[in-house]
N, C-alpha and C. Protein backbone atom coordinates (compact mmCIF):
# COMPACT_ATOMS: atom_id res chain seq x y z
N MET A 1 0.84 -1.20 0.00
CA MET A 1 0.00 0.00 0.00
C MET A 1 0.88 1.25 0.00
N MET A 2 0.48 2.24 -0.79
CA MET A 2 1.20 3.50 -0.80
C MET A 2 0.97 4.25 0.50
N LYS A 3 1.89 5.14 0.82
CA LYS A 3 1.81 5.92 2.06
C LYS A 3 1.93 7.40 1.72
N LEU A 4 1.00 8.20 2.23
CA LEU A 4 1.03 9.64 2.01
C LEU A 4 1.34 10.35 3.31
N LEU A 5 2.48 11.02 3.36
CA LEU A 5 2.81 11.86 4.49
C LEU A 5 2.22 13.24 4.25
N SER A 6 1.36 13.66 5.14
CA SER A 6 0.66 14.92 4.94
C SER A 6 0.17 15.44 6.29
N SER A 7 -0.68 16.46 6.23
CA SER A 7 -1.32 17.02 7.41
C SER A 7 -2.77 17.30 7.06
N PRO A 8 -3.69 17.12 7.99
CA PRO A 8 -5.10 17.40 7.71
C PRO A 8 -5.35 18.84 7.29
N LEU A 9 -4.43 19.75 7.65
CA LEU A 9 -4.62 21.17 7.36
C LEU A 9 -3.85 21.65 6.14
N SER A 10 -3.05 20.80 5.55
CA SER A 10 -2.23 21.20 4.40
C SER A 10 -3.07 21.33 3.13
N PRO A 11 -3.07 22.50 2.49
CA PRO A 11 -3.83 22.64 1.24
C PRO A 11 -3.21 21.82 0.10
N TYR A 12 -1.90 21.62 0.14
CA TYR A 12 -1.25 20.82 -0.89
C TYR A 12 -1.60 19.34 -0.69
N GLY A 13 -1.64 18.92 0.58
CA GLY A 13 -2.09 17.57 0.87
C GLY A 13 -3.55 17.37 0.49
N ARG A 14 -4.36 18.40 0.70
CA ARG A 14 -5.77 18.31 0.33
C ARG A 14 -5.91 18.10 -1.17
N LYS A 15 -5.10 18.80 -1.93
CA LYS A 15 -5.14 18.65 -3.39
C LYS A 15 -4.85 17.20 -3.79
N VAL A 16 -3.88 16.60 -3.14
CA VAL A 16 -3.55 15.20 -3.43
C VAL A 16 -4.69 14.28 -3.03
N LYS A 17 -5.29 14.52 -1.87
CA LYS A 17 -6.38 13.67 -1.40
C LYS A 17 -7.60 13.78 -2.31
N ILE A 18 -7.89 14.99 -2.79
CA ILE A 18 -8.99 15.15 -3.74
C ILE A 18 -8.70 14.35 -5.00
N THR A 19 -7.48 14.48 -5.50
CA THR A 19 -7.08 13.77 -6.72
C THR A 19 -7.22 12.26 -6.52
N ALA A 20 -6.77 11.75 -5.39
CA ALA A 20 -6.85 10.31 -5.12
C ALA A 20 -8.29 9.83 -5.10
N ARG A 21 -9.17 10.63 -4.53
CA ARG A 21 -10.59 10.26 -4.48
C ARG A 21 -11.22 10.31 -5.88
N VAL A 22 -10.92 11.36 -6.60
CA VAL A 22 -11.48 11.50 -7.95
C VAL A 22 -11.02 10.34 -8.84
N LYS A 23 -9.78 9.91 -8.67
CA LYS A 23 -9.24 8.83 -9.49
C LYS A 23 -9.63 7.45 -8.99
N GLY A 24 -10.26 7.38 -7.80
CA GLY A 24 -10.67 6.10 -7.28
C GLY A 24 -9.55 5.25 -6.74
N VAL A 25 -8.48 5.89 -6.24
CA VAL A 25 -7.34 5.13 -5.71
C VAL A 25 -7.07 5.47 -4.24
N PHE A 26 -7.99 6.18 -3.62
CA PHE A 26 -7.76 6.60 -2.24
C PHE A 26 -7.62 5.41 -1.30
N ASP A 27 -8.32 4.32 -1.62
CA ASP A 27 -8.24 3.13 -0.75
C ASP A 27 -6.91 2.41 -0.88
N GLN A 28 -6.07 2.84 -1.81
CA GLN A 28 -4.74 2.26 -1.97
C GLN A 28 -3.66 3.04 -1.23
N ILE A 29 -4.09 4.07 -0.48
CA ILE A 29 -3.14 4.97 0.18
C ILE A 29 -3.40 5.00 1.68
N LYS A 30 -2.34 4.84 2.45
CA LYS A 30 -2.40 5.01 3.89
C LYS A 30 -1.93 6.42 4.22
N ILE A 31 -2.74 7.18 4.95
CA ILE A 31 -2.39 8.54 5.31
C ILE A 31 -1.65 8.54 6.64
N GLU A 32 -0.48 9.17 6.66
CA GLU A 32 0.28 9.33 7.90
C GLU A 32 0.53 10.81 8.14
N GLN A 33 0.19 11.28 9.31
CA GLN A 33 0.37 12.69 9.63
C GLN A 33 1.84 12.99 9.87
N ALA A 34 2.31 14.08 9.27
CA ALA A 34 3.69 14.50 9.41
C ALA A 34 3.73 15.92 9.95
N ASP A 35 4.53 16.13 10.96
CA ASP A 35 4.63 17.44 11.61
C ASP A 35 5.78 18.23 10.98
N THR A 36 5.45 19.25 10.20
CA THR A 36 6.49 20.06 9.56
C THR A 36 7.00 21.16 10.48
N ASN A 37 6.35 21.35 11.61
CA ASN A 37 6.81 22.38 12.56
C ASN A 37 7.97 21.89 13.42
N ALA A 38 8.11 20.58 13.54
CA ALA A 38 9.22 20.03 14.31
C ALA A 38 10.54 20.41 13.63
N PRO A 39 11.51 20.92 14.38
CA PRO A 39 12.76 21.40 13.76
C PRO A 39 13.58 20.30 13.10
N ASN A 40 13.42 19.08 13.55
CA ASN A 40 14.22 17.99 12.97
C ASN A 40 13.39 16.72 12.96
N ASN A 41 12.41 16.69 12.07
CA ASN A 41 11.54 15.52 11.93
C ASN A 41 12.28 14.49 11.08
N SER A 42 12.91 13.54 11.74
CA SER A 42 13.76 12.58 11.04
C SER A 42 12.96 11.69 10.10
N VAL A 43 11.71 11.37 10.47
CA VAL A 43 10.88 10.52 9.61
C VAL A 43 10.57 11.23 8.30
N LEU A 44 10.17 12.51 8.40
CA LEU A 44 9.87 13.27 7.19
C LEU A 44 11.13 13.51 6.37
N LYS A 45 12.22 13.86 7.04
CA LYS A 45 13.47 14.14 6.33
C LYS A 45 13.97 12.92 5.57
N LYS A 46 13.72 11.74 6.13
CA LYS A 46 14.13 10.50 5.46
C LYS A 46 13.40 10.35 4.13
N GLU A 47 12.13 10.75 4.08
CA GLU A 47 11.33 10.58 2.87
C GLU A 47 11.46 11.75 1.90
N ASN A 48 11.79 12.93 2.43
CA ASN A 48 11.96 14.11 1.59
C ASN A 48 13.02 15.00 2.22
N PRO A 49 14.19 15.14 1.60
CA PRO A 49 15.26 15.94 2.19
C PRO A 49 14.87 17.41 2.39
N LEU A 50 13.81 17.85 1.72
CA LEU A 50 13.33 19.21 1.90
C LEU A 50 12.47 19.35 3.16
N SER A 51 12.12 18.20 3.76
CA SER A 51 11.25 18.18 4.95
C SER A 51 9.93 18.89 4.70
N LYS A 52 9.38 18.67 3.52
CA LYS A 52 8.11 19.28 3.14
C LYS A 52 7.08 18.20 2.85
N ILE A 53 5.82 18.57 3.04
CA ILE A 53 4.72 17.68 2.68
C ILE A 53 3.92 18.32 1.55
N PRO A 54 3.19 17.46 0.83
CA PRO A 54 3.03 16.01 0.96
C PRO A 54 4.16 15.23 0.30
N VAL A 55 4.31 13.99 0.75
CA VAL A 55 5.23 13.03 0.15
C VAL A 55 4.45 11.74 -0.06
N LEU A 56 4.54 11.18 -1.25
CA LEU A 56 3.92 9.88 -1.51
C LEU A 56 5.02 8.83 -1.59
N VAL A 57 4.95 7.85 -0.69
CA VAL A 57 5.91 6.75 -0.69
C VAL A 57 5.26 5.56 -1.39
N LEU A 58 5.88 5.12 -2.48
CA LEU A 58 5.32 4.05 -3.28
C LEU A 58 5.59 2.69 -2.64
N ASP A 59 4.95 1.66 -3.19
CA ASP A 59 5.09 0.31 -2.65
C ASP A 59 6.54 -0.16 -2.65
N ASN A 60 7.34 0.31 -3.60
CA ASN A 60 8.74 -0.11 -3.67
C ASN A 60 9.66 0.75 -2.80
N GLY A 61 9.07 1.69 -2.05
CA GLY A 61 9.84 2.51 -1.14
C GLY A 61 10.33 3.83 -1.71
N SER A 62 10.16 4.03 -3.02
CA SER A 62 10.59 5.30 -3.62
C SER A 62 9.59 6.40 -3.27
N GLN A 63 10.07 7.64 -3.33
CA GLN A 63 9.27 8.78 -2.90
C GLN A 63 8.96 9.72 -4.06
N LEU A 64 7.77 10.31 -4.00
CA LEU A 64 7.37 11.32 -4.96
C LEU A 64 6.98 12.59 -4.21
N TYR A 65 7.43 13.73 -4.70
CA TYR A 65 7.06 15.05 -4.19
C TYR A 65 7.40 16.04 -5.29
N ASP A 66 6.74 17.18 -5.43
CA ASP A 66 5.77 17.76 -4.53
C ASP A 66 4.34 17.38 -4.98
N SER A 67 3.34 18.20 -4.62
CA SER A 67 1.95 17.82 -4.86
C SER A 67 1.64 17.64 -6.34
N HIS A 68 2.21 18.48 -7.20
CA HIS A 68 1.97 18.36 -8.64
C HIS A 68 2.43 16.99 -9.13
N VAL A 69 3.64 16.61 -8.74
CA VAL A 69 4.20 15.33 -9.18
C VAL A 69 3.34 14.18 -8.68
N ILE A 70 2.93 14.26 -7.43
CA ILE A 70 2.09 13.20 -6.86
C ILE A 70 0.77 13.09 -7.61
N CYS A 71 0.15 14.24 -7.87
CA CYS A 71 -1.15 14.22 -8.56
C CYS A 71 -1.02 13.64 -9.96
N GLU A 72 0.05 13.97 -10.66
CA GLU A 72 0.21 13.42 -12.01
C GLU A 72 0.48 11.92 -11.96
N TYR A 73 1.19 11.48 -10.95
CA TYR A 73 1.40 10.03 -10.79
C TYR A 73 0.07 9.33 -10.53
N LEU A 74 -0.73 9.86 -9.62
CA LEU A 74 -2.02 9.25 -9.33
C LEU A 74 -2.91 9.22 -10.57
N ASP A 75 -2.82 10.25 -11.38
CA ASP A 75 -3.61 10.29 -12.61
C ASP A 75 -3.20 9.18 -13.57
N SER A 76 -1.93 8.75 -13.48
CA SER A 76 -1.44 7.70 -14.39
C SER A 76 -1.92 6.31 -14.00
N LEU A 77 -2.49 6.17 -12.80
CA LEU A 77 -2.84 4.84 -12.32
C LEU A 77 -4.11 4.29 -12.94
N LYS A 78 -5.01 5.17 -13.36
CA LYS A 78 -6.24 4.75 -14.00
C LYS A 78 -6.52 5.65 -15.20
N PRO A 79 -7.12 5.11 -16.25
CA PRO A 79 -7.30 5.90 -17.46
C PRO A 79 -8.32 7.04 -17.35
N THR A 80 -9.32 6.86 -16.50
CA THR A 80 -10.36 7.90 -16.39
C THR A 80 -10.72 8.14 -14.94
N PRO A 81 -11.20 9.35 -14.63
CA PRO A 81 -11.21 10.54 -15.48
C PRO A 81 -9.79 11.07 -15.67
N LYS A 82 -9.53 11.65 -16.82
CA LYS A 82 -8.18 12.14 -17.12
C LYS A 82 -8.02 13.55 -16.57
N LEU A 83 -7.10 13.72 -15.62
CA LEU A 83 -6.89 15.01 -14.98
C LEU A 83 -5.76 15.81 -15.62
N PHE A 84 -4.83 15.11 -16.27
CA PHE A 84 -3.72 15.75 -16.97
C PHE A 84 -3.80 15.37 -18.45
N PRO A 85 -4.23 16.28 -19.30
CA PRO A 85 -4.23 15.97 -20.73
C PRO A 85 -2.83 15.57 -21.19
N ALA A 86 -2.78 14.68 -22.17
CA ALA A 86 -1.50 14.10 -22.57
C ALA A 86 -0.58 15.08 -23.28
N ALA A 87 -1.15 15.98 -24.08
CA ALA A 87 -0.28 16.84 -24.89
C ALA A 87 -1.08 18.03 -25.41
N GLY A 88 -0.35 18.92 -26.05
CA GLY A 88 -1.00 20.03 -26.75
C GLY A 88 -1.44 21.16 -25.84
N ALA A 89 -2.24 22.05 -26.42
CA ALA A 89 -2.68 23.25 -25.72
C ALA A 89 -3.47 22.92 -24.46
N GLU A 90 -4.28 21.86 -24.53
CA GLU A 90 -5.10 21.51 -23.37
C GLU A 90 -4.23 21.15 -22.17
N ARG A 91 -3.13 20.43 -22.43
CA ARG A 91 -2.23 20.07 -21.33
C ARG A 91 -1.59 21.32 -20.72
N PHE A 92 -1.08 22.19 -21.58
CA PHE A 92 -0.37 23.35 -21.06
C PHE A 92 -1.32 24.35 -20.41
N ASN A 93 -2.55 24.41 -20.88
CA ASN A 93 -3.55 25.25 -20.20
C ASN A 93 -3.84 24.70 -18.80
N THR A 94 -3.93 23.38 -18.70
CA THR A 94 -4.16 22.74 -17.40
C THR A 94 -3.01 23.00 -16.44
N LEU A 95 -1.78 22.85 -16.93
CA LEU A 95 -0.61 23.07 -16.09
C LEU A 95 -0.49 24.54 -15.67
N THR A 96 -0.82 25.44 -16.57
CA THR A 96 -0.76 26.87 -16.26
C THR A 96 -1.79 27.24 -15.20
N LEU A 97 -3.00 26.70 -15.34
CA LEU A 97 -4.03 26.96 -14.33
C LEU A 97 -3.60 26.38 -12.98
N GLY A 98 -3.00 25.20 -13.01
CA GLY A 98 -2.49 24.62 -11.77
C GLY A 98 -1.40 25.47 -11.15
N ALA A 99 -0.53 26.03 -11.99
CA ALA A 99 0.53 26.91 -11.48
C ALA A 99 -0.06 28.17 -10.86
N LEU A 100 -1.13 28.69 -11.43
CA LEU A 100 -1.80 29.86 -10.86
C LEU A 100 -2.38 29.52 -9.48
N GLY A 101 -3.03 28.39 -9.39
CA GLY A 101 -3.58 27.96 -8.10
C GLY A 101 -2.49 27.76 -7.06
N ASP A 102 -1.39 27.13 -7.46
CA ASP A 102 -0.28 26.93 -6.54
C ASP A 102 0.34 28.27 -6.13
N GLY A 103 0.39 29.22 -7.05
CA GLY A 103 0.92 30.54 -6.72
C GLY A 103 0.08 31.25 -5.68
N ILE A 104 -1.24 31.12 -5.80
CA ILE A 104 -2.13 31.69 -4.78
C ILE A 104 -1.86 31.02 -3.44
N LEU A 105 -1.75 29.71 -3.46
CA LEU A 105 -1.48 28.97 -2.23
C LEU A 105 -0.15 29.38 -1.60
N ASP A 106 0.88 29.49 -2.42
CA ASP A 106 2.20 29.86 -1.90
C ASP A 106 2.15 31.21 -1.20
N ALA A 107 1.54 32.19 -1.86
CA ALA A 107 1.46 33.53 -1.28
C ALA A 107 0.63 33.54 0.00
N ALA A 108 -0.49 32.83 -0.03
CA ALA A 108 -1.37 32.78 1.14
C ALA A 108 -0.68 32.11 2.31
N LEU A 109 0.07 31.05 2.03
CA LEU A 109 0.78 30.34 3.10
C LEU A 109 1.90 31.19 3.68
N LEU A 110 2.60 31.93 2.84
CA LEU A 110 3.67 32.81 3.33
C LEU A 110 3.12 33.88 4.26
N LEU A 111 1.93 34.38 3.95
CA LEU A 111 1.31 35.37 4.84
C LEU A 111 0.96 34.74 6.19
N VAL A 112 0.47 33.53 6.16
CA VAL A 112 0.17 32.82 7.41
C VAL A 112 1.44 32.63 8.23
N TYR A 113 2.51 32.19 7.57
CA TYR A 113 3.77 31.96 8.28
C TYR A 113 4.35 33.25 8.85
N GLU A 114 4.22 34.34 8.11
CA GLU A 114 4.74 35.62 8.60
C GLU A 114 4.08 36.00 9.93
N ARG A 115 2.78 35.81 9.99
CA ARG A 115 2.05 36.17 11.21
C ARG A 115 2.27 35.15 12.33
N ARG A 116 2.50 33.91 11.93
CA ARG A 116 2.63 32.86 12.94
C ARG A 116 4.00 32.82 13.58
N PHE A 117 5.04 33.04 12.79
CA PHE A 117 6.39 32.80 13.27
C PHE A 117 7.20 34.07 13.58
N ARG A 118 6.64 35.24 13.27
CA ARG A 118 7.36 36.47 13.57
C ARG A 118 6.48 37.38 14.43
N PRO A 119 7.06 38.03 15.43
CA PRO A 119 6.27 38.97 16.23
C PRO A 119 5.79 40.13 15.36
N GLU A 120 4.66 40.70 15.72
CA GLU A 120 4.03 41.72 14.87
C GLU A 120 4.95 42.88 14.57
N ASP A 121 5.79 43.27 15.52
CA ASP A 121 6.68 44.41 15.28
C ASP A 121 7.80 44.09 14.30
N LYS A 122 7.92 42.80 13.91
CA LYS A 122 8.92 42.39 12.93
C LYS A 122 8.32 42.11 11.55
N TRP A 123 7.00 42.22 11.44
CA TRP A 123 6.38 42.01 10.14
C TRP A 123 6.90 43.05 9.15
N VAL A 124 7.13 42.61 7.91
CA VAL A 124 7.58 43.51 6.85
C VAL A 124 6.37 43.84 5.97
N ALA A 125 5.83 45.04 6.19
CA ALA A 125 4.56 45.40 5.54
C ALA A 125 4.67 45.34 4.02
N SER A 126 5.75 45.84 3.46
CA SER A 126 5.89 45.86 2.00
C SER A 126 5.93 44.46 1.43
N TRP A 127 6.56 43.53 2.14
CA TRP A 127 6.64 42.14 1.68
C TRP A 127 5.27 41.48 1.77
N MET A 128 4.53 41.76 2.84
CA MET A 128 3.20 41.19 3.00
C MET A 128 2.25 41.74 1.95
N GLU A 129 2.38 43.01 1.64
CA GLU A 129 1.55 43.61 0.60
C GLU A 129 1.84 42.98 -0.75
N ARG A 130 3.10 42.64 -0.98
CA ARG A 130 3.48 42.00 -2.24
C ARG A 130 2.81 40.64 -2.39
N GLN A 131 2.79 39.87 -1.29
CA GLN A 131 2.14 38.56 -1.34
C GLN A 131 0.63 38.70 -1.54
N GLN A 132 0.04 39.67 -0.84
CA GLN A 132 -1.40 39.89 -0.99
C GLN A 132 -1.74 40.32 -2.40
N ASP A 133 -0.86 41.13 -3.00
CA ASP A 133 -1.10 41.58 -4.37
C ASP A 133 -1.10 40.40 -5.35
N LYS A 134 -0.24 39.42 -5.11
CA LYS A 134 -0.23 38.22 -5.95
C LYS A 134 -1.58 37.51 -5.89
N ILE A 135 -2.11 37.42 -4.68
CA ILE A 135 -3.41 36.78 -4.50
C ILE A 135 -4.51 37.59 -5.17
N ASP A 136 -4.51 38.90 -4.94
CA ASP A 136 -5.56 39.76 -5.47
C ASP A 136 -5.57 39.76 -6.99
N GLU A 137 -4.39 39.88 -7.60
CA GLU A 137 -4.32 39.91 -9.06
C GLU A 137 -4.74 38.57 -9.67
N SER A 138 -4.38 37.50 -9.01
CA SER A 138 -4.77 36.17 -9.50
C SER A 138 -6.28 35.98 -9.41
N LEU A 139 -6.86 36.43 -8.32
CA LEU A 139 -8.32 36.33 -8.17
C LEU A 139 -9.04 37.19 -9.19
N LEU A 140 -8.51 38.37 -9.47
CA LEU A 140 -9.10 39.24 -10.50
C LEU A 140 -9.06 38.55 -11.86
N HIS A 141 -7.95 37.92 -12.16
CA HIS A 141 -7.81 37.19 -13.42
C HIS A 141 -8.84 36.06 -13.51
N LEU A 142 -9.02 35.33 -12.43
CA LEU A 142 -9.98 34.23 -12.42
C LEU A 142 -11.42 34.75 -12.50
N GLU A 143 -11.69 35.84 -11.80
CA GLU A 143 -13.03 36.42 -11.81
C GLU A 143 -13.42 36.88 -13.21
N THR A 144 -12.45 37.40 -13.95
CA THR A 144 -12.69 37.87 -15.31
C THR A 144 -12.98 36.71 -16.25
N ASN A 145 -12.29 35.59 -16.02
CA ASN A 145 -12.46 34.41 -16.88
C ASN A 145 -12.52 33.15 -16.02
N PRO A 146 -13.65 32.87 -15.37
CA PRO A 146 -13.73 31.65 -14.56
C PRO A 146 -13.40 30.42 -15.40
N PRO A 147 -12.50 29.57 -14.92
CA PRO A 147 -12.05 28.43 -15.72
C PRO A 147 -13.12 27.34 -15.83
N LEU A 148 -13.54 27.09 -17.04
CA LEU A 148 -14.59 26.11 -17.30
C LEU A 148 -13.99 24.72 -17.45
N TRP A 149 -14.79 23.69 -17.22
CA TRP A 149 -14.35 22.34 -17.48
C TRP A 149 -15.36 21.63 -18.36
N GLY A 150 -14.91 20.52 -18.94
CA GLY A 150 -15.77 19.75 -19.82
C GLY A 150 -16.56 18.72 -19.04
N ALA A 151 -16.30 17.44 -19.31
CA ALA A 151 -17.03 16.37 -18.63
C ALA A 151 -16.73 16.37 -17.13
N THR A 152 -15.46 16.57 -16.80
CA THR A 152 -15.05 16.59 -15.39
C THR A 152 -13.95 17.63 -15.20
N PRO A 153 -13.82 18.18 -14.00
CA PRO A 153 -12.71 19.10 -13.73
C PRO A 153 -11.36 18.39 -13.88
N ASN A 154 -10.34 19.16 -14.23
CA ASN A 154 -9.00 18.59 -14.35
C ASN A 154 -8.11 19.04 -13.20
N TYR A 155 -6.83 18.72 -13.31
CA TYR A 155 -5.88 19.05 -12.25
C TYR A 155 -5.84 20.55 -11.96
N GLY A 156 -5.91 21.38 -12.98
CA GLY A 156 -5.89 22.82 -12.77
C GLY A 156 -7.07 23.28 -11.94
N HIS A 157 -8.25 22.75 -12.23
CA HIS A 157 -9.45 23.11 -11.46
C HIS A 157 -9.33 22.66 -10.01
N ILE A 158 -8.80 21.46 -9.79
CA ILE A 158 -8.62 20.95 -8.43
C ILE A 158 -7.68 21.86 -7.65
N THR A 159 -6.63 22.33 -8.30
CA THR A 159 -5.65 23.18 -7.62
C THR A 159 -6.26 24.53 -7.26
N VAL A 160 -6.99 25.13 -8.18
CA VAL A 160 -7.63 26.42 -7.91
C VAL A 160 -8.65 26.26 -6.78
N ALA A 161 -9.44 25.21 -6.82
CA ALA A 161 -10.42 24.97 -5.76
C ALA A 161 -9.73 24.81 -4.40
N SER A 162 -8.61 24.11 -4.37
CA SER A 162 -7.86 23.94 -3.13
C SER A 162 -7.34 25.28 -2.62
N ALA A 163 -6.91 26.14 -3.55
CA ALA A 163 -6.43 27.47 -3.17
C ALA A 163 -7.55 28.32 -2.58
N LEU A 164 -8.71 28.31 -3.21
CA LEU A 164 -9.85 29.07 -2.69
C LEU A 164 -10.30 28.52 -1.34
N GLY A 165 -10.26 27.21 -1.20
CA GLY A 165 -10.60 26.60 0.07
C GLY A 165 -9.64 27.04 1.17
N TYR A 166 -8.37 27.20 0.82
CA TYR A 166 -7.40 27.65 1.82
C TYR A 166 -7.64 29.12 2.19
N LEU A 167 -8.02 29.93 1.22
CA LEU A 167 -8.36 31.32 1.52
C LEU A 167 -9.57 31.39 2.45
N ASP A 168 -10.49 30.47 2.29
CA ASP A 168 -11.63 30.40 3.21
C ASP A 168 -11.17 29.99 4.60
N PHE A 169 -10.29 29.01 4.65
CA PHE A 169 -9.88 28.41 5.92
C PHE A 169 -8.95 29.31 6.73
N ARG A 170 -7.93 29.86 6.09
CA ARG A 170 -6.90 30.60 6.81
C ARG A 170 -7.01 32.12 6.65
N HIS A 171 -7.78 32.58 5.66
CA HIS A 171 -7.89 34.02 5.41
C HIS A 171 -9.33 34.51 5.53
N GLU A 172 -10.13 33.73 6.25
CA GLU A 172 -11.48 34.13 6.65
C GLU A 172 -12.42 34.42 5.48
N GLY A 173 -12.13 33.85 4.33
CA GLY A 173 -13.01 34.04 3.18
C GLY A 173 -13.15 35.48 2.72
N LYS A 174 -12.14 36.30 3.00
CA LYS A 174 -12.22 37.73 2.64
C LYS A 174 -12.25 37.96 1.14
N TRP A 175 -11.88 36.96 0.37
CA TRP A 175 -11.88 37.07 -1.09
C TRP A 175 -13.28 37.08 -1.68
N ARG A 176 -14.24 36.54 -0.97
CA ARG A 176 -15.56 36.26 -1.52
C ARG A 176 -16.36 37.48 -1.99
N PRO A 177 -16.49 38.57 -1.21
CA PRO A 177 -17.37 39.67 -1.62
C PRO A 177 -17.04 40.28 -3.00
N LYS A 178 -15.78 40.32 -3.36
CA LYS A 178 -15.38 40.96 -4.61
C LYS A 178 -15.31 39.99 -5.79
N HIS A 179 -15.62 38.72 -5.54
CA HIS A 179 -15.45 37.72 -6.60
C HIS A 179 -16.66 36.78 -6.68
N PRO A 180 -17.82 37.32 -6.97
CA PRO A 180 -19.04 36.49 -6.97
C PRO A 180 -19.02 35.37 -8.01
N LYS A 181 -18.38 35.62 -9.15
CA LYS A 181 -18.33 34.58 -10.17
C LYS A 181 -17.53 33.37 -9.68
N MET A 182 -16.43 33.65 -8.97
CA MET A 182 -15.62 32.55 -8.48
C MET A 182 -16.25 31.87 -7.27
N VAL A 183 -17.05 32.61 -6.52
CA VAL A 183 -17.82 31.98 -5.44
C VAL A 183 -18.79 30.96 -6.05
N LYS A 184 -19.47 31.37 -7.10
CA LYS A 184 -20.38 30.46 -7.80
C LYS A 184 -19.60 29.29 -8.40
N TRP A 185 -18.45 29.59 -8.95
CA TRP A 185 -17.60 28.56 -9.55
C TRP A 185 -17.21 27.51 -8.50
N LEU A 186 -16.82 27.98 -7.32
CA LEU A 186 -16.40 27.05 -6.28
C LEU A 186 -17.58 26.21 -5.79
N ASP A 187 -18.76 26.82 -5.72
CA ASP A 187 -19.96 26.07 -5.34
C ASP A 187 -20.23 24.96 -6.36
N GLN A 188 -20.07 25.28 -7.64
CA GLN A 188 -20.29 24.28 -8.69
C GLN A 188 -19.24 23.18 -8.61
N PHE A 189 -18.00 23.57 -8.32
CA PHE A 189 -16.95 22.57 -8.19
C PHE A 189 -17.26 21.62 -7.03
N ALA A 190 -17.65 22.19 -5.89
CA ALA A 190 -17.96 21.38 -4.71
C ALA A 190 -19.11 20.42 -4.99
N SER A 191 -20.08 20.88 -5.79
CA SER A 191 -21.21 20.03 -6.14
C SER A 191 -20.79 18.91 -7.09
N THR A 192 -19.87 19.22 -7.99
CA THR A 192 -19.40 18.25 -8.98
C THR A 192 -18.41 17.26 -8.39
N VAL A 193 -17.60 17.74 -7.43
CA VAL A 193 -16.52 16.93 -6.85
C VAL A 193 -16.76 16.77 -5.34
N PRO A 194 -17.49 15.75 -4.92
CA PRO A 194 -17.78 15.56 -3.49
C PRO A 194 -16.52 15.48 -2.63
N ALA A 195 -15.40 15.08 -3.22
CA ALA A 195 -14.15 14.97 -2.46
C ALA A 195 -13.71 16.31 -1.91
N PHE A 196 -14.17 17.40 -2.51
CA PHE A 196 -13.80 18.72 -1.99
C PHE A 196 -14.36 18.91 -0.59
N GLY A 197 -15.62 18.58 -0.41
CA GLY A 197 -16.22 18.67 0.91
C GLY A 197 -15.68 17.64 1.87
N GLU A 198 -15.37 16.46 1.37
CA GLU A 198 -14.87 15.37 2.21
C GLU A 198 -13.49 15.68 2.79
N THR A 199 -12.75 16.54 2.13
CA THR A 199 -11.39 16.86 2.58
C THR A 199 -11.29 18.23 3.24
N LYS A 200 -12.43 18.84 3.55
CA LYS A 200 -12.42 20.18 4.14
C LYS A 200 -11.68 20.15 5.48
N PRO A 201 -10.69 21.05 5.65
CA PRO A 201 -9.94 21.05 6.92
C PRO A 201 -10.77 21.62 8.06
N VAL A 202 -10.52 21.12 9.24
CA VAL A 202 -11.20 21.60 10.44
C VAL A 202 -10.12 21.99 11.46
N ALA A 203 -10.15 23.23 11.89
CA ALA A 203 -9.13 23.73 12.82
C ALA A 203 -9.28 23.04 14.16
């Protein structure tokens, strides 16, 4: 059985768990909680020298990281639904949308870390504004052109949904009032992909 090192609160881990459920392989994965806050987590470091989650440990003991790589591997295990188009414009559009979602997540997580690990008088306002601007501009781009899907959402849609879910969870859903189209989009995604609700983090 494969082993996934993750955390119930990790948005990147959530993306992998959604993908595993959508692909119908979740029952082939054992979830193990990994503490990334520990300064020297030897178990995690053994599986990923970066000491980051998620990490997927395969049956033969080899490791896959980061979340994009894991999701593409899981997509290869069954032919349908296809989350990563094989080639051409459709593939690169999917990867670009996924990169946008990951960029939102990265910026949002950095803001959380700044507030969590540094005293308020050490916060760098200009740096925090820069991260927030990345989020705001990305949301504006999505609001202008909500990403549509065909028969089923793909990897890019899963990543964007995970990013919006993280903004709800850690940033109090402050994005919602100015982005009604994406609020509707996320509601449609949640209705189409039950795994989104099944993986909702609880503080």
